[in-house]
Amino acid sequence: MSVTRAALSDGDIRALIRGPTEDERAAVAQRLCRRIDEGLDPADREAAEEVMRLMAADAAEMVRRALAVTLKNSPNLPRDVALRLSADLDSIAAPILAFSPVFTDEDLAEVVRAASALKQLAIARREVLSETVADALAEYGAEEAVRTAVSNDNAQFSEKGLGRVLDRFGESQGVANALAYRQVLPLAISERLVDLVTDHVRQHLVDHHALSPETAMGIVLGARERATLDLVEQAGRAADLRTFTSYLHRQDKLTPSLLMRALAHGHMTFFEWAMAQRSGVPHHRVWLMIHDAGPLGLRAIYERAALPAKLFSAFRAAVDTFHALQSEGAGLDIVKFQERMLQRFLTQPHAGPRDDADYLLDKMDRLFARTAGSNEARVTA
């Protein structure tokens, strides 16, 4: 074997083959690899490749690592040597798998199918991933490798591949968020992500990716709904409702929507204090007008509170249902309370326009879906 003197001396070759210590052979290997990386004359290539094969087969881990690290970016590394190194220890294979340009897409996909999670992660970190490699990661990759790959906009996943990512790791916030922040997403993938990510990321989907108009509107309205329901839940827990409702009133948050939702959750005391704040009438008088002043008391305080006339029927149904359950001595079962309240509203002879009851109808649908697990029991107008 003879390589040009400028590339490798006979003494280097002997030291590589017969060096007494691993450190010495590793130092020689690194020196050789640097010279090879600088370029080879065609006459020297075959001999140099044989030397690299010797290094790849060396029993010393340090020698093989020196080869992998020094020539990780080099087009002069023989493909068969790169493949041998890719099957080596993770610490030796990783630099080659992450950077070497000599692999084919099929080589990398095959490694993904059979390799350890660390080797998969090394491939996922490559600057560019073809569809073949990206989809192999989608199908076989460990979670961290998949998250790393989908975070890379130069990873060319097919729509099927992205769907497979969601099939396998849709419950992982890290993977779902990484997907949501890709520059381009197919519509079907964006739609699936909507139910898997946080509100902030969901809004990013609305702002940056294609969604059906219905889904986009549902996200916007859903965010408002969640914010309102948070207040409703706080209303049920607040110890000092006078202070709590006073604060909400100053913030213009005692909206008709919030009051209706609070009633639908059975928070009557909150409703009383909220009406007192909106109307400027003392709480004890509001209580009488809601509970003890005959059929006109509620309407009077409702109008004083400047709530929409078209929603009065819904509030009337909620209050009447609350009273009916109290008179029956029944405990306040929220599900049954909501069911009866909604049924009462929808069967009133003078109920408001149906589109003003969208929330109530939606609530009934969710209620039955939750309790029956199907759409068999659904209230319709």
Protein backbone atom coordinates (compact mmCIF):
# COMPACT_ATOMS: atom_id res chain seq x y z
CA MET A 1 0.00 0.00 0.00
CA SER A 2 1.40 3.36 -0.99
CA VAL A 3 -0.11 6.77 -0.47
CA THR A 4 1.63 9.96 -1.54
CA ARG A 5 4.19 11.19 0.95
CA ALA A 6 2.29 14.45 1.32
CA ALA A 7 -0.76 12.50 2.44
CA LEU A 8 0.71 9.74 4.54
CA SER A 9 4.24 8.49 5.13
CA ASP A 10 5.26 4.88 5.45
CA GLY A 11 5.97 5.62 9.10
CA ASP A 12 2.37 6.81 9.57
CA ILE A 13 1.06 3.60 8.07
CA ARG A 14 3.25 1.46 10.34
CA ALA A 15 2.22 3.51 13.37
CA LEU A 16 -1.43 3.11 12.45
CA ILE A 17 -1.16 -0.65 12.06
CA ARG A 18 1.38 -1.48 14.75
CA GLY A 19 1.24 1.45 17.17
CA PRO A 20 1.75 0.15 20.71
CA THR A 21 -1.02 2.26 22.26
CA GLU A 22 -4.51 3.33 21.31
CA ASP A 23 -3.59 6.97 21.84
CA GLU A 24 -0.77 6.77 19.31
CA ARG A 25 -2.88 5.02 16.68
CA ALA A 26 -5.72 7.52 17.24
CA ALA A 27 -3.31 10.46 16.76
CA VAL A 28 -2.06 8.97 13.52
CA ALA A 29 -5.61 8.29 12.37
CA GLN A 30 -6.61 11.87 13.00
CA ARG A 31 -3.56 13.20 11.13
CA LEU A 32 -4.29 10.97 8.17
CA CYS A 33 -7.97 11.91 8.08
CA ARG A 34 -7.18 15.61 8.05
CA ARG A 35 -4.93 15.15 5.04
CA ILE A 36 -7.53 13.03 3.28
CA ASP A 37 -10.16 15.66 3.99
CA GLU A 38 -8.02 18.26 2.25
CA GLY A 39 -8.31 16.28 -0.96
CA LEU A 40 -6.71 13.34 -2.72
CA ASP A 41 -5.13 12.89 -6.11
CA PRO A 42 -6.97 10.20 -8.09
CA ALA A 43 -3.86 8.02 -7.89
CA ASP A 44 -3.92 8.15 -4.11
CA ARG A 45 -7.63 7.59 -3.55
CA GLU A 46 -7.73 3.80 -3.65
CA ALA A 47 -4.82 3.41 -1.24
CA ALA A 48 -6.22 6.03 1.15
CA GLU A 49 -9.60 4.31 1.15
CA GLU A 50 -7.95 1.05 2.18
CA VAL A 51 -6.29 2.86 5.06
CA MET A 52 -9.68 4.26 6.14
CA ARG A 53 -11.10 0.74 6.07
CA LEU A 54 -8.28 -0.35 8.37
CA MET A 55 -9.19 2.42 10.78
CA ALA A 56 -12.89 1.51 10.67
CA ALA A 57 -11.98 -2.07 11.62
CA ASP A 58 -9.51 -1.10 14.36
CA ALA A 59 -10.27 -2.66 17.71
CA ALA A 60 -9.57 0.64 19.47
CA GLU A 61 -12.67 2.78 19.92
CA MET A 62 -10.49 5.92 19.92
CA VAL A 63 -9.21 5.18 16.41
CA ARG A 64 -12.70 4.63 14.99
CA ARG A 65 -13.97 7.78 16.73
CA ALA A 66 -11.09 9.82 15.29
CA LEU A 67 -12.10 8.63 11.81
CA ALA A 68 -15.78 9.40 12.37
CA VAL A 69 -15.30 12.84 13.88
CA THR A 70 -12.59 14.07 11.52
CA LEU A 71 -14.30 12.94 8.30
CA LYS A 72 -17.93 13.45 9.32
CA ASN A 73 -18.39 16.15 6.65
CA SER A 74 -16.02 14.78 4.04
CA PRO A 75 -17.17 13.54 0.63
CA ASN A 76 -13.93 11.52 0.54
CA LEU A 77 -15.17 9.01 3.11
CA PRO A 78 -16.07 5.77 1.29
CA ARG A 79 -19.73 4.89 1.54
CA ASP A 80 -18.99 1.37 2.78
CA VAL A 81 -16.85 2.84 5.58
CA ALA A 82 -19.62 5.25 6.50
CA LEU A 83 -22.11 2.38 6.67
CA ARG A 84 -19.74 0.38 8.87
CA LEU A 85 -19.34 3.33 11.21
CA SER A 86 -23.12 3.86 11.30
CA ALA A 87 -23.44 0.37 12.80
CA ASP A 88 -20.78 1.10 15.42
CA LEU A 89 -21.26 2.45 18.95
CA ASP A 90 -23.63 5.40 19.23
CA SER A 91 -20.81 7.79 20.08
CA ILE A 92 -18.96 6.81 16.88
CA ALA A 93 -21.99 6.55 14.61
CA ALA A 94 -23.66 9.80 15.66
CA PRO A 95 -21.31 12.32 13.97
CA ILE A 96 -21.31 10.36 10.72
CA LEU A 97 -25.11 9.96 10.72
CA ALA A 98 -25.67 13.62 11.51
CA PHE A 99 -23.38 15.08 8.84
CA SER A 100 -21.89 12.70 6.28
CA PRO A 101 -22.90 13.50 2.69
CA VAL A 102 -22.00 10.04 1.38
CA PHE A 103 -25.15 8.25 2.59
CA THR A 104 -28.06 7.73 0.24
CA ASP A 105 -31.59 8.47 1.43
CA GLU A 106 -32.22 4.74 1.45
CA ASP A 107 -29.16 4.20 3.67
CA LEU A 108 -30.44 6.68 6.25
CA ALA A 109 -34.00 5.34 6.14
CA GLU A 110 -32.69 1.83 6.74
CA VAL A 111 -30.66 3.01 9.74
CA VAL A 112 -33.77 4.71 11.15
CA ARG A 113 -35.75 1.47 10.91
CA ALA A 114 -33.25 -0.58 12.89
CA ALA A 115 -31.14 1.85 14.94
CA SER A 116 -31.15 3.06 18.52
CA ALA A 117 -32.94 6.22 19.57
CA LEU A 118 -29.63 8.11 19.71
CA LYS A 119 -28.77 7.19 16.13
CA GLN A 120 -32.26 8.19 15.02
CA LEU A 121 -31.78 11.51 16.78
CA ALA A 122 -28.47 12.07 14.98
CA ILE A 123 -30.19 11.57 11.63
CA ALA A 124 -33.05 13.85 12.68
CA ARG A 125 -30.48 16.60 13.30
CA ARG A 126 -29.24 16.59 9.69
CA GLU A 127 -29.62 19.97 8.05
CA VAL A 128 -31.83 18.58 5.29
CA LEU A 129 -33.99 15.46 5.36
CA SER A 130 -35.56 14.05 2.22
CA GLU A 131 -39.13 12.82 2.26
CA THR A 132 -37.86 9.24 2.34
CA VAL A 133 -35.85 9.82 5.50
CA ALA A 134 -38.38 12.11 7.18
CA ASP A 135 -41.21 9.65 6.65
CA ALA A 136 -39.05 6.81 7.98
CA LEU A 137 -38.57 8.86 11.15
CA ALA A 138 -42.32 9.46 11.30
CA GLU A 139 -42.92 5.72 11.16
CA TYR A 140 -40.07 4.33 13.26
CA GLY A 141 -38.42 7.20 15.12
CA ALA A 142 -38.41 7.65 18.88
CA GLU A 143 -40.25 10.70 20.21
CA GLU A 144 -37.23 13.00 20.60
CA ALA A 145 -36.01 12.21 17.09
CA VAL A 146 -39.46 12.88 15.64
CA ARG A 147 -39.83 16.16 17.53
CA THR A 148 -36.39 17.25 16.33
CA ALA A 149 -37.21 16.39 12.73
CA VAL A 150 -40.59 18.14 12.61
CA SER A 151 -38.97 21.22 14.15
CA ASN A 152 -36.79 21.41 11.02
CA ASP A 153 -38.54 23.04 8.06
CA ASN A 154 -35.92 21.45 5.80
CA ALA A 155 -37.30 18.03 6.71
CA GLN A 156 -39.55 17.19 3.79
CA PHE A 157 -42.36 15.17 5.37
CA SER A 158 -45.19 13.96 3.20
CA GLU A 159 -48.73 14.61 4.39
CA LYS A 160 -48.99 10.90 5.17
CA GLY A 161 -45.80 11.13 7.20
CA LEU A 162 -47.08 14.08 9.22
CA GLY A 163 -50.30 12.19 9.82
CA ARG A 164 -48.27 9.26 11.13
CA VAL A 165 -46.45 11.62 13.49
CA LEU A 166 -49.82 12.66 14.94
CA ASP A 167 -50.99 9.05 15.12
CA ARG A 168 -47.98 8.10 17.20
CA PHE A 169 -47.22 11.24 19.21
CA GLY A 170 -50.33 13.44 19.07
CA GLU A 171 -50.54 13.39 22.86
CA SER A 172 -47.04 14.86 23.17
CA GLN A 173 -47.19 18.64 23.55
CA GLY A 174 -43.60 18.91 22.37
CA VAL A 175 -44.30 17.11 19.10
CA ALA A 176 -47.66 18.82 18.52
CA ASN A 177 -46.21 22.28 19.14
CA ALA A 178 -43.24 21.60 16.87
CA LEU A 179 -45.64 20.58 14.13
CA ALA A 180 -47.80 23.66 14.62
CA TYR A 181 -44.81 25.96 14.16
CA ARG A 182 -43.68 24.47 10.85
CA GLN A 183 -43.77 27.02 8.05
CA VAL A 184 -46.10 24.94 5.89
CA LEU A 185 -48.71 22.43 6.98
CA PRO A 186 -51.34 20.56 4.94
CA LEU A 187 -54.89 21.55 5.82
CA ALA A 188 -55.73 18.10 7.17
CA ILE A 189 -52.79 18.23 9.59
CA SER A 190 -53.68 21.74 10.79
CA GLU A 191 -57.23 20.61 11.45
CA ARG A 192 -56.05 17.63 13.50
CA LEU A 193 -53.67 19.80 15.53
CA VAL A 194 -56.43 22.16 16.66
CA ASP A 195 -57.58 19.82 19.41
CA LEU A 196 -54.08 18.85 20.53
CA VAL A 197 -52.34 22.14 21.31
CA THR A 198 -52.64 24.97 23.84
CA ASP A 199 -54.67 28.12 23.22
CA HIS A 200 -51.57 30.12 22.33
CA VAL A 201 -50.42 27.57 19.75
CA ARG A 202 -53.98 27.18 18.50
CA GLN A 203 -54.07 30.89 17.76
CA HIS A 204 -50.79 30.49 15.84
CA LEU A 205 -52.54 27.91 13.66
CA VAL A 206 -55.28 30.42 12.92
CA ASP A 207 -52.77 33.14 12.08
CA HIS A 208 -50.29 31.13 10.00
CA HIS A 209 -51.87 27.99 8.56
CA ALA A 210 -54.76 26.98 6.38
CA LEU A 211 -57.86 26.00 8.33
CA SER A 212 -61.45 25.61 7.26
CA PRO A 213 -63.52 28.73 8.05
CA GLU A 214 -65.60 26.66 10.46
CA THR A 215 -62.56 25.47 12.39
CA ALA A 216 -60.98 28.93 12.52
CA MET A 217 -64.20 30.46 13.83
CA GLY A 218 -64.58 27.64 16.33
CA ILE A 219 -61.11 28.36 17.70
CA VAL A 220 -61.82 32.05 18.12
CA LEU A 221 -65.18 31.47 19.77
CA GLY A 222 -63.76 28.62 21.82
CA ALA A 223 -61.10 30.88 23.29
CA ARG A 224 -63.78 33.30 24.40
CA GLU A 225 -65.85 30.44 25.80
CA ARG A 226 -62.93 29.11 27.80
CA ALA A 227 -62.17 32.56 29.21
CA THR A 228 -65.80 32.96 30.21
CA LEU A 229 -66.01 29.54 31.77
CA ASP A 230 -62.91 30.30 33.80
CA LEU A 231 -64.78 33.25 35.31
CA VAL A 232 -67.84 31.07 35.89
CA GLU A 233 -65.74 28.55 37.79
CA GLN A 234 -64.23 31.34 39.85
CA ALA A 235 -67.74 32.59 40.55
CA GLY A 236 -68.58 29.24 42.07
CA ARG A 237 -65.52 29.36 44.34
CA ALA A 238 -65.46 33.04 45.37
CA ALA A 239 -65.92 33.52 49.12
CA ASP A 240 -66.74 37.24 48.89
CA LEU A 241 -69.13 37.59 45.97
CA ARG A 242 -69.81 41.26 46.64
CA THR A 243 -66.15 42.15 46.14
CA PHE A 244 -65.76 39.67 43.30
CA THR A 245 -68.73 40.96 41.30
CA SER A 246 -67.78 44.58 42.04
CA TYR A 247 -64.37 43.96 40.50
CA LEU A 248 -65.88 42.25 37.46
CA HIS A 249 -68.33 45.11 37.00
CA ARG A 250 -65.51 47.67 37.01
CA GLN A 251 -63.77 45.58 34.36
CA ASP A 252 -66.95 45.41 32.23
CA LYS A 253 -66.97 41.64 32.54
CA LEU A 254 -70.46 41.17 33.97
CA THR A 255 -71.71 40.46 30.46
CA PRO A 256 -75.05 38.83 29.60
CA SER A 257 -73.07 35.83 28.39
CA LEU A 258 -71.25 35.44 31.71
CA LEU A 259 -74.48 35.80 33.72
CA MET A 260 -76.27 33.24 31.56
CA ARG A 261 -73.43 30.76 31.88
CA ALA A 262 -73.26 31.31 35.62
CA LEU A 263 -76.97 30.53 35.90
CA ALA A 264 -76.54 27.47 33.67
CA HIS A 265 -73.96 26.21 36.18
CA GLY A 266 -76.29 26.82 39.10
CA HIS A 267 -74.45 29.82 40.58
CA MET A 268 -77.59 31.67 41.70
CA THR A 269 -75.92 33.70 44.44
CA PHE A 270 -73.37 35.00 41.96
CA PHE A 271 -76.24 35.94 39.62
CA GLU A 272 -77.94 37.88 42.41
CA TRP A 273 -74.81 39.88 43.25
CA ALA A 274 -74.07 40.45 39.57
CA MET A 275 -77.58 41.85 39.05
CA ALA A 276 -77.10 44.10 42.07
CA GLN A 277 -73.87 45.47 40.59
CA ARG A 278 -75.35 46.04 37.14
CA SER A 279 -78.57 47.61 38.43
CA GLY A 280 -77.20 49.61 41.35
CA VAL A 281 -79.93 48.10 43.53
CA PRO A 282 -78.96 46.71 46.98
CA HIS A 283 -78.51 42.97 47.08
CA HIS A 284 -81.37 42.29 49.49
CA ARG A 285 -83.84 44.04 47.18
CA VAL A 286 -82.45 42.21 44.17
CA TRP A 287 -82.93 38.94 46.03
CA LEU A 288 -86.59 39.77 46.63
CA MET A 289 -87.19 40.78 43.03
CA ILE A 290 -85.66 37.56 41.72
CA HIS A 291 -87.16 35.14 44.24
CA ASP A 292 -90.15 36.67 46.00
CA ALA A 293 -91.81 39.40 43.98
CA GLY A 294 -94.01 37.43 41.63
CA PRO A 295 -93.60 37.15 37.86
CA LEU A 296 -92.84 40.84 37.35
CA GLY A 297 -90.00 41.15 39.85
CA LEU A 298 -87.42 39.41 37.69
CA ARG A 299 -88.38 41.41 34.61
CA ALA A 300 -88.12 44.66 36.53
CA ILE A 301 -84.62 44.01 37.87
CA TYR A 302 -83.60 42.52 34.52
CA GLU A 303 -84.54 45.74 32.74
CA ARG A 304 -82.89 47.84 35.45
CA ALA A 305 -79.69 45.85 34.90
CA ALA A 306 -79.86 46.75 31.17
CA LEU A 307 -79.68 43.18 29.96
CA PRO A 308 -80.85 42.38 26.38
CA ALA A 309 -84.61 42.03 26.10
CA LYS A 310 -84.29 39.23 23.59
CA LEU A 311 -82.51 37.02 26.16
CA PHE A 312 -85.05 37.48 28.96
CA SER A 313 -86.79 34.17 28.15
CA ALA A 314 -83.57 32.28 28.73
CA PHE A 315 -82.97 33.94 32.11
CA ARG A 316 -86.62 33.39 33.06
CA ALA A 317 -86.28 29.68 32.27
CA ALA A 318 -83.13 29.37 34.38
CA VAL A 319 -84.63 31.12 37.42
CA ASP A 320 -87.94 29.23 37.21
CA THR A 321 -86.13 25.90 36.94
CA PHE A 322 -83.99 26.77 39.95
CA HIS A 323 -87.12 27.54 41.96
CA ALA A 324 -88.87 24.36 40.78
CA LEU A 325 -86.00 22.18 41.90
CA GLN A 326 -85.90 23.93 45.25
CA SER A 327 -89.62 23.39 45.78
CA GLU A 328 -89.21 19.70 44.97
CA GLY A 329 -86.52 19.47 47.62
CA ALA A 330 -84.13 18.08 45.04
CA GLY A 331 -80.43 18.74 45.33
CA LEU A 332 -78.84 20.85 42.65
CA ASP A 333 -77.64 18.24 40.19
CA ILE A 334 -76.01 20.47 37.57
CA VAL A 335 -76.62 18.12 34.66
CA LYS A 336 -80.32 17.66 35.43
CA PHE A 337 -80.67 21.36 36.23
CA GLN A 338 -79.24 22.34 32.85
CA GLU A 339 -81.36 19.78 31.06
CA ARG A 340 -84.59 21.00 32.64
CA MET A 341 -83.64 24.66 32.22
CA LEU A 342 -82.99 24.20 28.53
CA GLN A 343 -86.13 22.14 27.98
CA ARG A 344 -88.18 24.80 29.74
CA PHE A 345 -86.71 27.56 27.59
CA LEU A 346 -87.29 25.70 24.33
CA THR A 347 -90.92 24.89 25.16
CA GLN A 348 -91.94 28.39 26.22
CA PRO A 349 -94.73 29.75 24.00
CA HIS A 350 -93.05 33.16 23.82
CA ALA A 351 -89.44 32.11 23.77
CA GLY A 352 -87.03 34.42 22.05
CA PRO A 353 -85.70 33.87 18.53
CA ARG A 354 -83.95 30.55 18.14
CA ASP A 355 -80.63 32.13 17.13
CA ASP A 356 -80.51 33.89 20.51
CA ALA A 357 -80.43 30.47 22.13
CA ASP A 358 -77.38 29.16 20.30
CA TYR A 359 -75.42 28.84 23.50
CA LEU A 360 -78.26 26.98 25.22
CA LEU A 361 -78.66 24.56 22.33
CA ASP A 362 -74.93 23.98 22.15
CA LYS A 363 -74.88 23.37 25.88
CA MET A 364 -77.65 20.80 25.56
CA ASP A 365 -75.77 18.99 22.80
CA ARG A 366 -72.63 18.86 24.92
CA LEU A 367 -74.63 17.79 27.94
CA PHE A 368 -76.18 14.83 26.18
CA ALA A 369 -72.93 13.87 24.48
CA ARG A 370 -71.26 13.83 27.88
CA THR A 371 -73.95 11.86 29.72
CA ALA A 372 -75.14 9.50 27.01
CA GLY A 373 -71.93 9.16 25.04
CA SER A 374 -73.83 9.55 21.78
CA ASN A 375 -76.09 11.87 19.85
CA GLU A 376 -79.22 9.84 20.41
CA ALA A 377 -80.62 12.23 23.00
CA ARG A 378 -80.50 15.68 21.47
CA VAL A 379 -82.94 18.55 21.99
CA THR A 380 -84.05 20.17 18.76
CA ALA A 381 -86.14 23.17 18.21
